[in-house]
Amino acid sequence: MPLYIRDDSVDGLAEKVMKATGAKTKTDAVRAALLAQLEAIRKKTPLIDTVRALQDRVDCLGEADPAFDQKAFSDEMWGDSDVH
């Protein structure tokens, strides 16, 4: 079944994609764009998996040092160790 683009803005986008990609026709441009979008969706990692991977990386760092003084660390980093 053919695809008819009846929206001028969508037709304009197809024209821009055709020129940007060097496609010979709007049909080729639309096909390539749709295939690229499907591939991007397939490759997308679910958020739960991304969060789980980050949690695993944080766990590898070990426990936080309860004696760590963030203020002193920041002052030293900025060269403000004598300011109080």
C-alpha atoms as a PDB file:
ATOM      1  CA  MET A   1       0.000   0.000   0.000  1.00  0.00           C
ATOM      2  CA  PRO A   2       1.443   3.400  -0.963  1.00  0.00           C
ATOM      3  CA  LEU A   3       2.249   6.093   1.549  1.00  0.00           C
ATOM      4  CA  TYR A   4       0.899   9.505   0.662  1.00  0.00           C
ATOM      5  CA  ILE A   5       2.258  12.526   2.495  1.00  0.00           C
ATOM      6  CA  ARG A   6      -0.521  15.057   2.734  1.00  0.00           C
ATOM      7  CA  ASP A   7       1.085  17.340   5.297  1.00  0.00           C
ATOM      8  CA  ASP A   8       3.272  20.030   3.729  1.00  0.00           C
ATOM      9  CA  SER A   9       5.592  20.197   6.756  1.00  0.00           C
ATOM     10  CA  VAL A  10       6.188  16.426   6.647  1.00  0.00           C
ATOM     11  CA  ASP A  11       6.769  16.631   2.911  1.00  0.00           C
ATOM     12  CA  GLY A  12       9.290  19.401   3.561  1.00  0.00           C
ATOM     13  CA  LEU A  13      11.063  17.244   6.136  1.00  0.00           C
ATOM     14  CA  ALA A  14      11.229  14.365   3.669  1.00  0.00           C
ATOM     15  CA  GLU A  15      12.741  16.745   1.120  1.00  0.00           C
ATOM     16  CA  LYS A  16      15.356  17.956   3.641  1.00  0.00           C
ATOM     17  CA  VAL A  17      16.271  14.385   4.603  1.00  0.00           C
ATOM     18  CA  MET A  18      16.528  13.465   0.939  1.00  0.00           C
ATOM     19  CA  LYS A  19      18.960  16.324   0.282  1.00  0.00           C
ATOM     20  CA  ALA A  20      20.944  15.803   3.489  1.00  0.00           C
ATOM     21  CA  THR A  21      21.423  12.089   2.915  1.00  0.00           C
ATOM     22  CA  GLY A  22      21.825  12.178  -0.845  1.00  0.00           C
ATOM     23  CA  ALA A  23      18.830   9.905  -1.331  1.00  0.00           C
ATOM     24  CA  LYS A  24      17.583   9.773  -4.918  1.00  0.00           C
ATOM     25  CA  THR A  25      13.910  10.026  -3.982  1.00  0.00           C
ATOM     26  CA  LYS A  26      11.746  11.038  -1.045  1.00  0.00           C
ATOM     27  CA  THR A  27      10.705   7.402  -0.776  1.00  0.00           C
ATOM     28  CA  ASP A  28      14.343   6.378  -0.288  1.00  0.00           C
ATOM     29  CA  ALA A  29      14.790   9.150   2.288  1.00  0.00           C
ATOM     30  CA  VAL A  30      11.683   8.132   4.229  1.00  0.00           C
ATOM     31  CA  ARG A  31      12.690   4.452   4.093  1.00  0.00           C
ATOM     32  CA  ALA A  32      16.175   5.224   5.416  1.00  0.00           C
ATOM     33  CA  ALA A  33      14.806   7.495   8.157  1.00  0.00           C
ATOM     34  CA  LEU A  34      12.267   4.914   9.294  1.00  0.00           C
ATOM     35  CA  LEU A  35      14.849   2.113   9.290  1.00  0.00           C
ATOM     36  CA  ALA A  36      17.264   4.283  11.282  1.00  0.00           C
ATOM     37  CA  GLN A  37      14.561   5.077  13.817  1.00  0.00           C
ATOM     38  CA  LEU A  38      13.648   1.399  14.211  1.00  0.00           C
ATOM     39  CA  GLU A  39      17.319   0.519  14.722  1.00  0.00           C
ATOM     40  CA  ALA A  40      17.692   3.268  17.334  1.00  0.00           C
ATOM     41  CA  ILE A  41      14.647   1.939  19.196  1.00  0.00           C
ATOM     42  CA  ARG A  42      16.019  -1.620  19.110  1.00  0.00           C
ATOM     43  CA  LYS A  43      19.390  -0.491  20.477  1.00  0.00           C
ATOM     44  CA  LYS A  44      17.951   1.664  23.242  1.00  0.00           C
ATOM     45  CA  THR A  45      18.715   0.275  26.678  1.00  0.00           C
ATOM     46  CA  PRO A  46      15.765   0.216  29.081  1.00  0.00           C
ATOM     47  CA  LEU A  47      16.138   2.708  31.937  1.00  0.00           C
ATOM     48  CA  ILE A  48      16.068  -0.052  34.572  1.00  0.00           C
ATOM     49  CA  ASP A  49      19.114  -1.672  32.936  1.00  0.00           C
ATOM     50  CA  THR A  50      20.974   1.656  32.786  1.00  0.00           C
ATOM     51  CA  VAL A  51      20.247   2.355  36.454  1.00  0.00           C
ATOM     52  CA  ARG A  52      21.249  -1.170  37.454  1.00  0.00           C
ATOM     53  CA  ALA A  53      24.596  -0.803  35.667  1.00  0.00           C
ATOM     54  CA  LEU A  54      25.245   2.513  37.416  1.00  0.00           C
ATOM     55  CA  GLN A  55      24.344   1.012  40.786  1.00  0.00           C
ATOM     56  CA  ASP A  56      26.786  -1.835  40.158  1.00  0.00           C
ATOM     57  CA  ARG A  57      29.560   0.662  39.358  1.00  0.00           C
ATOM     58  CA  VAL A  58      28.833   2.624  42.534  1.00  0.00           C
ATOM     59  CA  ASP A  59      28.827  -0.576  44.591  1.00  0.00           C
ATOM     60  CA  CYS A  60      32.345  -1.315  43.315  1.00  0.00           C
ATOM     61  CA  LEU A  61      33.570   1.934  44.856  1.00  0.00           C
ATOM     62  CA  GLY A  62      32.918   0.597  48.350  1.00  0.00           C
ATOM     63  CA  GLU A  63      31.527   2.291  51.404  1.00  0.00           C
ATOM     64  CA  ALA A  64      31.766   6.061  51.855  1.00  0.00           C
ATOM     65  CA  ASP A  65      34.317   7.357  54.370  1.00  0.00           C
ATOM     66  CA  PRO A  66      32.266   8.730  57.288  1.00  0.00           C
ATOM     67  CA  ALA A  67      35.226  10.907  58.344  1.00  0.00           C
ATOM     68  CA  PHE A  68      35.486  12.634  54.945  1.00  0.00           C
ATOM     69  CA  ASP A  69      35.146  16.425  55.276  1.00  0.00           C
ATOM     70  CA  GLN A  70      33.668  17.782  52.050  1.00  0.00           C
ATOM     71  CA  LYS A  71      34.125  21.407  53.168  1.00  0.00           C
ATOM     72  CA  ALA A  72      37.845  20.937  53.893  1.00  0.00           C
ATOM     73  CA  PHE A  73      38.289  19.078  50.609  1.00  0.00           C
ATOM     74  CA  SER A  74      36.562  21.872  48.647  1.00  0.00           C
ATOM     75  CA  ASP A  75      38.539  24.588  50.430  1.00  0.00           C
ATOM     76  CA  GLU A  76      41.812  22.823  49.684  1.00  0.00           C
ATOM     77  CA  MET A  77      40.848  22.275  46.063  1.00  0.00           C
ATOM     78  CA  TRP A  78      40.049  25.967  45.620  1.00  0.00           C
ATOM     79  CA  GLY A  79      43.072  27.125  47.563  1.00  0.00           C
ATOM     80  CA  ASP A  80      40.957  28.498  50.413  1.00  0.00           C
ATOM     81  CA  SER A  81      42.377  26.311  53.164  1.00  0.00           C
ATOM     82  CA  ASP A  82      43.142  29.275  55.478  1.00  0.00           C
ATOM     83  CA  VAL A  83      39.710  30.940  55.092  1.00  0.00           C
ATOM     84  CA  HIS A  84      37.383  30.490  58.074  1.00  0.00           C
END
